[in-house]
């Protein structure tokens, strides 16, 4: 598999991040925030500057990782709404950037979380957001059609505060939409917050649908609505990391695993957190 990092976890100054990547030997630069703006909000001249830097530092871009469709209220959003159309235009810009930078993978999110989507034996009346899933499918139809027309692949992230929080839900979304142009960004630590069991349960369910992977570590308290990021291998991911890494190698995963460098040590920087987590990341997912 290929190893990368989300660059703003080192620095939002792209050249600084790429310099550190060269120093530390990672090859795949995932773009999320560049120069303090989300990817997709740069000018044409700035996109050319990104392209020049990627070439100069000899890295590859695996995914254009904008928060497309994040936070949209599923039960009230209509396709004609200004907010939805704004996200759709952002996705179109990301597709253009993906083609400029030589990747065919663009992230999408899945709106704002409805806590209980499905209910039975009375729960569908009293506690479930009945109809939310069907509305999500409707809102995703246009982005998927765009991806099909443009010959690129969307990757829906297993997110916090999102409709798609687990591997099972991500796979169901792909199956219900009936498209080969939608894969999963398996952000494994995010799924811990919905009590997903990453391995073997989730992995065996979704392994054929994974398009990209995010790795970080955290300690989550659902009852206290709290997440604390921590060094890789020292949090709730610790029981799963080695098994997941071995399974990916065994099954011949050919995609990218990106270190999501969101851990910041006390009195330190995100780059400090990156350097602290990198040895474990390499040990687990490297050759």
C-alpha atoms as a PDB file:
ATOM      1  CA  UNK A   1       0.000   0.000   0.000  1.00  0.00           C
ATOM      2  CA  UNK A   2       1.029   3.627  -0.343  1.00  0.00           C
ATOM      3  CA  UNK A   3       1.691   5.994   2.567  1.00  0.00           C
ATOM      4  CA  UNK A   4       0.707   9.643   2.714  1.00  0.00           C
ATOM      5  CA  UNK A   5      -0.378  12.493   4.938  1.00  0.00           C
ATOM      6  CA  UNK A   6      -3.067  15.160   4.867  1.00  0.00           C
ATOM      7  CA  UNK A   7      -0.750  18.096   4.342  1.00  0.00           C
ATOM      8  CA  UNK A   8      -2.447  20.668   6.575  1.00  0.00           C
ATOM      9  CA  UNK A   9      -1.734  18.337   9.500  1.00  0.00           C
ATOM     10  CA  UNK A  10       1.861  19.471   9.027  1.00  0.00           C
ATOM     11  CA  UNK A  11       1.237  23.011   7.783  1.00  0.00           C
ATOM     12  CA  UNK A  12      -1.324  24.882   5.714  1.00  0.00           C
ATOM     13  CA  UNK A  13       1.671  26.391   3.917  1.00  0.00           C
ATOM     14  CA  UNK A  14       1.942  23.776   1.207  1.00  0.00           C
ATOM     15  CA  UNK A  15       5.629  24.205   0.468  1.00  0.00           C
ATOM     16  CA  UNK A  16       6.500  23.837   4.162  1.00  0.00           C
ATOM     17  CA  UNK A  17       4.409  20.665   4.362  1.00  0.00           C
ATOM     18  CA  UNK A  18       5.954  19.186   1.214  1.00  0.00           C
ATOM     19  CA  UNK A  19       9.446  19.978   2.478  1.00  0.00           C
ATOM     20  CA  UNK A  20       8.718  18.025   5.669  1.00  0.00           C
ATOM     21  CA  UNK A  21       7.248  15.183   3.608  1.00  0.00           C
ATOM     22  CA  UNK A  22      10.447  14.960   1.575  1.00  0.00           C
ATOM     23  CA  UNK A  23      12.518  15.005   4.755  1.00  0.00           C
ATOM     24  CA  UNK A  24      10.464  12.223   6.334  1.00  0.00           C
ATOM     25  CA  UNK A  25       9.980  10.116   3.211  1.00  0.00           C
ATOM     26  CA  UNK A  26       6.230  10.207   2.548  1.00  0.00           C
ATOM     27  CA  UNK A  27       5.171  10.380  -1.088  1.00  0.00           C
ATOM     28  CA  UNK A  28       1.398  10.997  -1.155  1.00  0.00           C
ATOM     29  CA  UNK A  29       0.191  14.520  -0.342  1.00  0.00           C
ATOM     30  CA  UNK A  30      -3.532  14.653   0.378  1.00  0.00           C
ATOM     31  CA  UNK A  31      -4.927  18.165  -0.017  1.00  0.00           C
ATOM     32  CA  UNK A  32      -7.554  19.518   2.367  1.00  0.00           C
ATOM     33  CA  UNK A  33      -6.603  23.058   3.447  1.00  0.00           C
ATOM     34  CA  UNK A  34      -3.939  24.899   1.467  1.00  0.00           C
ATOM     35  CA  UNK A  35      -2.805  28.413   2.444  1.00  0.00           C
ATOM     36  CA  UNK A  36      -5.572  28.678   5.050  1.00  0.00           C
ATOM     37  CA  UNK A  37      -8.333  28.011   2.551  1.00  0.00           C
ATOM     38  CA  UNK A  38     -10.095  24.789   1.800  1.00  0.00           C
ATOM     39  CA  UNK A  39      -9.031  23.069  -1.381  1.00  0.00           C
ATOM     40  CA  UNK A  40     -11.320  24.239  -4.138  1.00  0.00           C
ATOM     41  CA  UNK A  41     -11.260  27.870  -3.005  1.00  0.00           C
ATOM     42  CA  UNK A  42      -7.918  28.726  -4.652  1.00  0.00           C
ATOM     43  CA  UNK A  43      -7.561  30.843  -7.783  1.00  0.00           C
ATOM     44  CA  UNK A  44      -6.486  29.350 -11.106  1.00  0.00           C
ATOM     45  CA  UNK A  45      -3.026  30.824 -10.530  1.00  0.00           C
ATOM     46  CA  UNK A  46      -2.838  29.201  -7.101  1.00  0.00           C
ATOM     47  CA  UNK A  47      -3.840  25.828  -8.537  1.00  0.00           C
ATOM     48  CA  UNK A  48      -0.960  26.122 -10.986  1.00  0.00           C
ATOM     49  CA  UNK A  49       1.320  26.947  -8.045  1.00  0.00           C
ATOM     50  CA  UNK A  50       0.112  23.785  -6.284  1.00  0.00           C
ATOM     51  CA  UNK A  51       0.853  21.810  -9.431  1.00  0.00           C
ATOM     52  CA  UNK A  52       4.350  23.294  -9.640  1.00  0.00           C
ATOM     53  CA  UNK A  53       5.079  22.495  -5.984  1.00  0.00           C
ATOM     54  CA  UNK A  54       3.803  18.922  -6.330  1.00  0.00           C
ATOM     55  CA  UNK A  55       6.143  18.447  -9.289  1.00  0.00           C
ATOM     56  CA  UNK A  56       9.106  20.171  -7.640  1.00  0.00           C
ATOM     57  CA  UNK A  57       8.858  18.098  -4.470  1.00  0.00           C
ATOM     58  CA  UNK A  58       8.148  14.895  -6.388  1.00  0.00           C
ATOM     59  CA  UNK A  59       4.972  13.912  -4.542  1.00  0.00           C
ATOM     60  CA  UNK A  60       1.650  12.574  -5.790  1.00  0.00           C
ATOM     61  CA  UNK A  61      -1.844  13.767  -4.846  1.00  0.00           C
ATOM     62  CA  UNK A  62      -4.118  10.811  -3.981  1.00  0.00           C
ATOM     63  CA  UNK A  63      -7.328  12.651  -3.127  1.00  0.00           C
ATOM     64  CA  UNK A  64      -8.923  16.098  -3.260  1.00  0.00           C
ATOM     65  CA  UNK A  65     -10.319  16.277   0.248  1.00  0.00           C
ATOM     66  CA  UNK A  66     -12.804  19.117   0.458  1.00  0.00           C
ATOM     67  CA  UNK A  67     -15.753  18.872   2.858  1.00  0.00           C
ATOM     68  CA  UNK A  68     -18.271  18.637   0.026  1.00  0.00           C
ATOM     69  CA  UNK A  69     -21.865  18.443   1.376  1.00  0.00           C
ATOM     70  CA  UNK A  70     -20.778  18.540   5.008  1.00  0.00           C
ATOM     71  CA  UNK A  71     -23.365  19.598   7.586  1.00  0.00           C
ATOM     72  CA  UNK A  72     -26.410  19.849   5.320  1.00  0.00           C
ATOM     73  CA  UNK A  73     -29.610  19.095   7.269  1.00  0.00           C
ATOM     74  CA  UNK A  74     -30.906  16.013   5.502  1.00  0.00           C
ATOM     75  CA  UNK A  75     -34.580  16.334   6.418  1.00  0.00           C
ATOM     76  CA  UNK A  76     -34.977  19.897   5.119  1.00  0.00           C
ATOM     77  CA  UNK A  77     -32.390  20.334   2.332  1.00  0.00           C
ATOM     78  CA  UNK A  78     -33.655  20.456  -1.234  1.00  0.00           C
ATOM     79  CA  UNK A  79     -31.539  20.206  -4.377  1.00  0.00           C
ATOM     80  CA  UNK A  80     -32.634  23.726  -5.382  1.00  0.00           C
ATOM     81  CA  UNK A  81     -31.419  25.234  -2.098  1.00  0.00           C
ATOM     82  CA  UNK A  82     -28.582  27.739  -2.240  1.00  0.00           C
ATOM     83  CA  UNK A  83     -26.475  25.769   0.269  1.00  0.00           C
ATOM     84  CA  UNK A  84     -26.755  22.536  -1.708  1.00  0.00           C
ATOM     85  CA  UNK A  85     -25.932  24.287  -4.965  1.00  0.00           C
ATOM     86  CA  UNK A  86     -22.915  25.951  -3.338  1.00  0.00           C
ATOM     87  CA  UNK A  87     -21.593  22.538  -2.311  1.00  0.00           C
ATOM     88  CA  UNK A  88     -22.280  21.175  -5.782  1.00  0.00           C
ATOM     89  CA  UNK A  89     -20.246  23.974  -7.340  1.00  0.00           C
ATOM     90  CA  UNK A  90     -17.444  23.240  -4.879  1.00  0.00           C
ATOM     91  CA  UNK A  91     -17.507  19.604  -5.972  1.00  0.00           C
ATOM     92  CA  UNK A  92     -17.263  20.652  -9.613  1.00  0.00           C
ATOM     93  CA  UNK A  93     -14.202  22.762  -8.809  1.00  0.00           C
ATOM     94  CA  UNK A  94     -12.654  19.812  -6.974  1.00  0.00           C
ATOM     95  CA  UNK A  95     -13.179  17.569  -9.982  1.00  0.00           C
ATOM     96  CA  UNK A  96     -11.332  20.077 -12.135  1.00  0.00           C
ATOM     97  CA  UNK A  97      -8.490  20.276  -9.613  1.00  0.00           C
ATOM     98  CA  UNK A  98      -8.317  16.473  -9.409  1.00  0.00           C
ATOM     99  CA  UNK A  99      -7.801  16.289 -13.152  1.00  0.00           C
ATOM    100  CA  UNK A 100      -5.152  19.027 -13.016  1.00  0.00           C
ATOM    101  CA  UNK A 101      -3.231  17.160 -10.309  1.00  0.00           C
ATOM    102  CA  UNK A 102      -3.551  13.646 -11.692  1.00  0.00           C
ATOM    103  CA  UNK A 103      -5.960  11.985  -9.278  1.00  0.00           C
ATOM    104  CA  UNK A 104      -9.442  10.601  -9.881  1.00  0.00           C
ATOM    105  CA  UNK A 105     -10.554  10.580  -6.223  1.00  0.00           C
ATOM    106  CA  UNK A 106     -12.622  13.376  -4.629  1.00  0.00           C
ATOM    107  CA  UNK A 107     -14.069  13.315  -1.132  1.00  0.00           C
ATOM    108  CA  UNK A 108     -17.727  13.870  -0.321  1.00  0.00           C
ATOM    109  CA  UNK A 109     -19.393  14.029   3.060  1.00  0.00           C
ATOM    110  CA  UNK A 110     -22.940  12.957   3.832  1.00  0.00           C
ATOM    111  CA  UNK A 111     -24.813  15.797   5.433  1.00  0.00           C
ATOM    112  CA  UNK A 112     -25.685  16.228   9.099  1.00  0.00           C
ATOM    113  CA  UNK A 113     -26.238  13.181  11.261  1.00  0.00           C
ATOM    114  CA  UNK A 114     -29.711  11.937  12.077  1.00  0.00           C
ATOM    115  CA  UNK A 115     -29.044   9.795  15.124  1.00  0.00           C
ATOM    116  CA  UNK A 116     -31.495   6.964  14.405  1.00  0.00           C
ATOM    117  CA  UNK A 117     -32.079   6.407  10.712  1.00  0.00           C
ATOM    118  CA  UNK A 118     -33.951   3.108  10.737  1.00  0.00           C
ATOM    119  CA  UNK A 119     -36.572   1.869  13.174  1.00  0.00           C
ATOM    120  CA  UNK A 120     -38.839  -1.155  13.512  1.00  0.00           C
ATOM    121  CA  UNK A 121     -41.651  -2.456  15.727  1.00  0.00           C
ATOM    122  CA  UNK A 122     -42.827   1.042  16.588  1.00  0.00           C
ATOM    123  CA  UNK A 123     -39.435   2.741  16.666  1.00  0.00           C
ATOM    124  CA  UNK A 124     -40.050   4.017  13.138  1.00  0.00           C
ATOM    125  CA  UNK A 125     -42.860   6.170  14.586  1.00  0.00           C
ATOM    126  CA  UNK A 126     -41.350   7.319  17.871  1.00  0.00           C
ATOM    127  CA  UNK A 127     -37.562   7.624  17.645  1.00  0.00           C
ATOM    128  CA  UNK A 128     -36.308   7.124  14.075  1.00  0.00           C
ATOM    129  CA  UNK A 129     -35.845   9.894  11.496  1.00  0.00           C
ATOM    130  CA  UNK A 130     -37.960   7.914   9.064  1.00  0.00           C
ATOM    131  CA  UNK A 131     -37.308   8.956   5.487  1.00  0.00           C
ATOM    132  CA  UNK A 132     -33.833  10.401   6.176  1.00  0.00           C
ATOM    133  CA  UNK A 133     -32.067   7.627   4.288  1.00  0.00           C
ATOM    134  CA  UNK A 134     -34.230   8.074   1.208  1.00  0.00           C
ATOM    135  CA  UNK A 135     -33.573  11.828   1.309  1.00  0.00           C
ATOM    136  CA  UNK A 136     -29.808  11.197   1.522  1.00  0.00           C
ATOM    137  CA  UNK A 137     -29.978   8.950  -1.533  1.00  0.00           C
ATOM    138  CA  UNK A 138     -31.835  11.672  -3.428  1.00  0.00           C
ATOM    139  CA  UNK A 139     -29.270  14.317  -2.472  1.00  0.00           C
ATOM    140  CA  UNK A 140     -26.410  12.034  -3.539  1.00  0.00           C
ATOM    141  CA  UNK A 141     -27.826  11.175  -6.958  1.00  0.00           C
ATOM    142  CA  UNK A 142     -26.627  14.378  -8.639  1.00  0.00           C
ATOM    143  CA  UNK A 143     -23.031  14.194  -7.309  1.00  0.00           C
ATOM    144  CA  UNK A 144     -22.799  10.548  -8.374  1.00  0.00           C
ATOM    145  CA  UNK A 145     -24.132  11.366 -11.852  1.00  0.00           C
ATOM    146  CA  UNK A 146     -21.548  14.150 -12.103  1.00  0.00           C
ATOM    147  CA  UNK A 147     -18.777  11.723 -11.124  1.00  0.00           C
ATOM    148  CA  UNK A 148     -19.961   9.199 -13.696  1.00  0.00           C
ATOM    149  CA  UNK A 149     -20.073  11.842 -16.431  1.00  0.00           C
ATOM    150  CA  UNK A 150     -16.619  13.174 -15.506  1.00  0.00           C
ATOM    151  CA  UNK A 151     -14.997   9.758 -15.124  1.00  0.00           C
ATOM    152  CA  UNK A 152     -13.886  10.279 -11.547  1.00  0.00           C
ATOM    153  CA  UNK A 153     -14.605   8.483  -8.272  1.00  0.00           C
ATOM    154  CA  UNK A 154     -16.253  10.031  -5.248  1.00  0.00           C
ATOM    155  CA  UNK A 155     -15.191   8.761  -1.843  1.00  0.00           C
ATOM    156  CA  UNK A 156     -17.632   9.166   1.025  1.00  0.00           C
ATOM    157  CA  UNK A 157     -15.917   9.516   4.380  1.00  0.00           C
ATOM    158  CA  UNK A 158     -17.060   7.746   7.517  1.00  0.00           C
ATOM    159  CA  UNK A 159     -17.458  10.979   9.450  1.00  0.00           C
ATOM    160  CA  UNK A 160     -18.413  12.324  12.826  1.00  0.00           C
ATOM    161  CA  UNK A 161     -21.676  14.283  12.839  1.00  0.00           C
ATOM    162  CA  UNK A 162     -22.472  12.767   9.430  1.00  0.00           C
ATOM    163  CA  UNK A 163     -25.124  10.433   8.094  1.00  0.00           C
ATOM    164  CA  UNK A 164     -22.419   7.939   7.149  1.00  0.00           C
ATOM    165  CA  UNK A 165     -20.688   7.105  10.414  1.00  0.00           C
ATOM    166  CA  UNK A 166     -19.915   3.413   9.981  1.00  0.00           C
ATOM    167  CA  UNK A 167     -18.528   1.052   7.413  1.00  0.00           C
ATOM    168  CA  UNK A 168     -21.896  -0.709   7.145  1.00  0.00           C
ATOM    169  CA  UNK A 169     -23.714   2.518   6.318  1.00  0.00           C
ATOM    170  CA  UNK A 170     -21.074   3.483   3.758  1.00  0.00           C
ATOM    171  CA  UNK A 171     -21.402   0.170   1.967  1.00  0.00           C
ATOM    172  CA  UNK A 172     -25.201   0.394   2.059  1.00  0.00           C
ATOM    173  CA  UNK A 173     -25.020   3.859   0.478  1.00  0.00           C
ATOM    174  CA  UNK A 174     -22.874   2.527  -2.378  1.00  0.00           C
ATOM    175  CA  UNK A 175     -25.157  -0.451  -2.922  1.00  0.00           C
ATOM    176  CA  UNK A 176     -28.378   1.562  -2.779  1.00  0.00           C
ATOM    177  CA  UNK A 177     -27.038   4.133  -5.249  1.00  0.00           C
ATOM    178  CA  UNK A 178     -25.915   1.318  -7.553  1.00  0.00           C
ATOM    179  CA  UNK A 179     -22.746   2.989  -8.796  1.00  0.00           C
ATOM    180  CA  UNK A 180     -19.122   1.992  -9.350  1.00  0.00           C
ATOM    181  CA  UNK A 181     -18.100   5.649  -9.008  1.00  0.00           C
ATOM    182  CA  UNK A 182     -18.499   5.799  -5.220  1.00  0.00           C
ATOM    183  CA  UNK A 183     -16.010   4.295  -2.770  1.00  0.00           C
ATOM    184  CA  UNK A 184     -15.320   4.683   0.951  1.00  0.00           C
ATOM    185  CA  UNK A 185     -12.802   6.862   2.715  1.00  0.00           C
ATOM    186  CA  UNK A 186     -12.518   4.659   5.766  1.00  0.00           C
ATOM    187  CA  UNK A 187     -11.656   7.096   8.538  1.00  0.00           C
ATOM    188  CA  UNK A 188     -11.373   4.328  11.068  1.00  0.00           C
ATOM    189  CA  UNK A 189     -11.107   6.349  14.310  1.00  0.00           C
ATOM    190  CA  UNK A 190     -14.217   8.340  13.381  1.00  0.00           C
ATOM    191  CA  UNK A 191     -16.214   5.116  13.366  1.00  0.00           C
ATOM    192  CA  UNK A 192     -15.263   4.366  16.958  1.00  0.00           C
ATOM    193  CA  UNK A 193     -17.602   7.165  18.010  1.00  0.00           C
ATOM    194  CA  UNK A 194     -20.578   5.208  16.674  1.00  0.00           C
ATOM    195  CA  UNK A 195     -19.262   2.003  18.348  1.00  0.00           C
ATOM    196  CA  UNK A 196     -18.279   0.366  15.052  1.00  0.00           C
ATOM    197  CA  UNK A 197     -15.833  -2.500  15.573  1.00  0.00           C
ATOM    198  CA  UNK A 198     -13.104  -1.813  12.997  1.00  0.00           C
ATOM    199  CA  UNK A 199     -11.660  -5.311  12.838  1.00  0.00           C
ATOM    200  CA  UNK A 200     -12.731  -7.864  11.911  1.00  0.00           C
ATOM    201  CA  UNK A 201     -16.361  -6.722  11.696  1.00  0.00           C
ATOM    202  CA  UNK A 202     -16.205  -3.501   9.649  1.00  0.00           C
ATOM    203  CA  UNK A 203     -13.165  -4.462   7.614  1.00  0.00           C
ATOM    204  CA  UNK A 204     -14.628  -7.746   6.401  1.00  0.00           C
ATOM    205  CA  UNK A 205     -17.880  -5.955   5.532  1.00  0.00           C
ATOM    206  CA  UNK A 206     -16.345  -3.164   3.453  1.00  0.00           C
ATOM    207  CA  UNK A 207     -12.897  -4.282   2.263  1.00  0.00           C
ATOM    208  CA  UNK A 208     -13.962  -4.441  -1.390  1.00  0.00           C
ATOM    209  CA  UNK A 209     -15.387  -0.890  -1.231  1.00  0.00           C
ATOM    210  CA  UNK A 210     -12.421   0.935   0.322  1.00  0.00           C
ATOM    211  CA  UNK A 211     -10.963   3.649  -1.886  1.00  0.00           C
ATOM    212  CA  UNK A 212      -8.815   5.480   0.671  1.00  0.00           C
ATOM    213  CA  UNK A 213      -7.965   5.312   4.379  1.00  0.00           C
ATOM    214  CA  UNK A 214      -7.396   7.905   7.122  1.00  0.00           C
ATOM    215  CA  UNK A 215      -5.469   6.916  10.250  1.00  0.00           C
ATOM    216  CA  UNK A 216      -5.206   8.770  13.549  1.00  0.00           C
ATOM    217  CA  UNK A 217      -5.762   7.796  17.178  1.00  0.00           C
ATOM    218  CA  UNK A 218      -8.007   9.121  19.906  1.00  0.00           C
ATOM    219  CA  UNK A 219      -9.714   8.416  23.174  1.00  0.00           C
ATOM    220  CA  UNK A 220     -13.452   8.882  22.862  1.00  0.00           C
ATOM    221  CA  UNK A 221     -16.085   9.255  25.550  1.00  0.00           C
ATOM    222  CA  UNK A 222     -19.486   9.070  23.913  1.00  0.00           C
ATOM    223  CA  UNK A 223     -21.345   9.691  27.177  1.00  0.00           C
ATOM    224  CA  UNK A 224     -19.331  12.884  27.713  1.00  0.00           C
ATOM    225  CA  UNK A 225     -19.408  13.881  24.023  1.00  0.00           C
ATOM    226  CA  UNK A 226     -15.619  14.209  24.092  1.00  0.00           C
ATOM    227  CA  UNK A 227     -12.702  13.186  21.886  1.00  0.00           C
ATOM    228  CA  UNK A 228      -9.035  13.565  22.826  1.00  0.00           C
ATOM    229  CA  UNK A 229      -6.471  12.943  20.094  1.00  0.00           C
ATOM    230  CA  UNK A 230      -3.350  11.074  21.133  1.00  0.00           C
ATOM    231  CA  UNK A 231      -0.199   9.496  19.673  1.00  0.00           C
ATOM    232  CA  UNK A 232      -0.839   6.672  17.230  1.00  0.00           C
ATOM    233  CA  UNK A 233      -1.184   3.392  19.095  1.00  0.00           C
ATOM    234  CA  UNK A 234      -1.951   4.953  22.476  1.00  0.00           C
ATOM    235  CA  UNK A 235      -5.708   5.394  22.139  1.00  0.00           C
ATOM    236  CA  UNK A 236      -8.838   3.447  21.311  1.00  0.00           C
ATOM    237  CA  UNK A 237      -7.337   2.339  17.983  1.00  0.00           C
ATOM    238  CA  UNK A 238      -4.561   0.390  19.711  1.00  0.00           C
ATOM    239  CA  UNK A 239      -6.357  -2.993  19.755  1.00  0.00           C
ATOM    240  CA  UNK A 240      -7.071  -2.816  16.012  1.00  0.00           C
ATOM    241  CA  UNK A 241      -4.120  -1.173  14.267  1.00  0.00           C
ATOM    242  CA  UNK A 242      -1.859  -4.186  13.811  1.00  0.00           C
ATOM    243  CA  UNK A 243      -4.669  -6.481  12.661  1.00  0.00           C
ATOM    244  CA  UNK A 244      -5.940  -3.903  10.151  1.00  0.00           C
ATOM    245  CA  UNK A 245      -2.456  -3.295   8.763  1.00  0.00           C
ATOM    246  CA  UNK A 246      -1.827  -7.018   8.351  1.00  0.00           C
ATOM    247  CA  UNK A 247      -5.225  -7.557   6.719  1.00  0.00           C
ATOM    248  CA  UNK A 248      -4.595  -4.779   4.205  1.00  0.00           C
ATOM    249  CA  UNK A 249      -1.246  -6.326   3.292  1.00  0.00           C
ATOM    250  CA  UNK A 250      -2.702  -9.820   3.116  1.00  0.00           C
ATOM    251  CA  UNK A 251      -5.563  -8.724   0.860  1.00  0.00           C
ATOM    252  CA  UNK A 252      -3.360  -6.650  -1.433  1.00  0.00           C
ATOM    253  CA  UNK A 253      -4.781  -3.188  -0.728  1.00  0.00           C
ATOM    254  CA  UNK A 254      -3.356  -0.925  -3.441  1.00  0.00           C
ATOM    255  CA  UNK A 255      -4.674   2.421  -2.241  1.00  0.00           C
ATOM    256  CA  UNK A 256      -3.259   5.116   0.020  1.00  0.00           C
ATOM    257  CA  UNK A 257      -3.271   5.212   3.804  1.00  0.00           C
ATOM    258  CA  UNK A 258      -3.037   8.840   4.913  1.00  0.00           C
ATOM    259  CA  UNK A 259      -1.825   9.827   8.352  1.00  0.00           C
ATOM    260  CA  UNK A 260      -4.357  12.394   9.521  1.00  0.00           C
ATOM    261  CA  UNK A 261      -2.043  14.494  11.635  1.00  0.00           C
ATOM    262  CA  UNK A 262      -4.542  16.027  14.028  1.00  0.00           C
ATOM    263  CA  UNK A 263      -2.739  15.180  17.281  1.00  0.00           C
ATOM    264  CA  UNK A 264      -1.034  18.166  18.901  1.00  0.00           C
ATOM    265  CA  UNK A 265       1.130  17.502  21.981  1.00  0.00           C
ATOM    266  CA  UNK A 266       0.797  19.775  25.001  1.00  0.00           C
ATOM    267  CA  UNK A 267       2.752  22.958  24.258  1.00  0.00           C
ATOM    268  CA  UNK A 268       3.596  21.574  20.813  1.00  0.00           C
ATOM    269  CA  UNK A 269       2.502  21.939  17.197  1.00  0.00           C
ATOM    270  CA  UNK A 270       0.698  19.704  14.737  1.00  0.00           C
ATOM    271  CA  UNK A 271       4.022  19.113  13.015  1.00  0.00           C
ATOM    272  CA  UNK A 272       5.363  17.874  16.365  1.00  0.00           C
ATOM    273  CA  UNK A 273       2.428  15.475  16.520  1.00  0.00           C
ATOM    274  CA  UNK A 274       3.137  14.318  12.971  1.00  0.00           C
ATOM    275  CA  UNK A 275       6.758  13.541  13.807  1.00  0.00           C
ATOM    276  CA  UNK A 276       5.739  11.717  16.976  1.00  0.00           C
ATOM    277  CA  UNK A 277       3.183   9.504  15.190  1.00  0.00           C
ATOM    278  CA  UNK A 278       5.175   8.854  12.018  1.00  0.00           C
ATOM    279  CA  UNK A 279       7.458   6.024  13.285  1.00  0.00           C
ATOM    280  CA  UNK A 280       4.481   3.944  14.440  1.00  0.00           C
ATOM    281  CA  UNK A 281       2.605   4.735  11.219  1.00  0.00           C
ATOM    282  CA  UNK A 282       5.553   3.495   9.145  1.00  0.00           C
ATOM    283  CA  UNK A 283       6.063   0.439  11.301  1.00  0.00           C
ATOM    284  CA  UNK A 284       2.427  -0.576  10.903  1.00  0.00           C
ATOM    285  CA  UNK A 285       1.662   0.255   7.293  1.00  0.00           C
ATOM    286  CA  UNK A 286       5.058   0.281   5.601  1.00  0.00           C
ATOM    287  CA  UNK A 287       6.723  -2.630   3.846  1.00  0.00           C
END
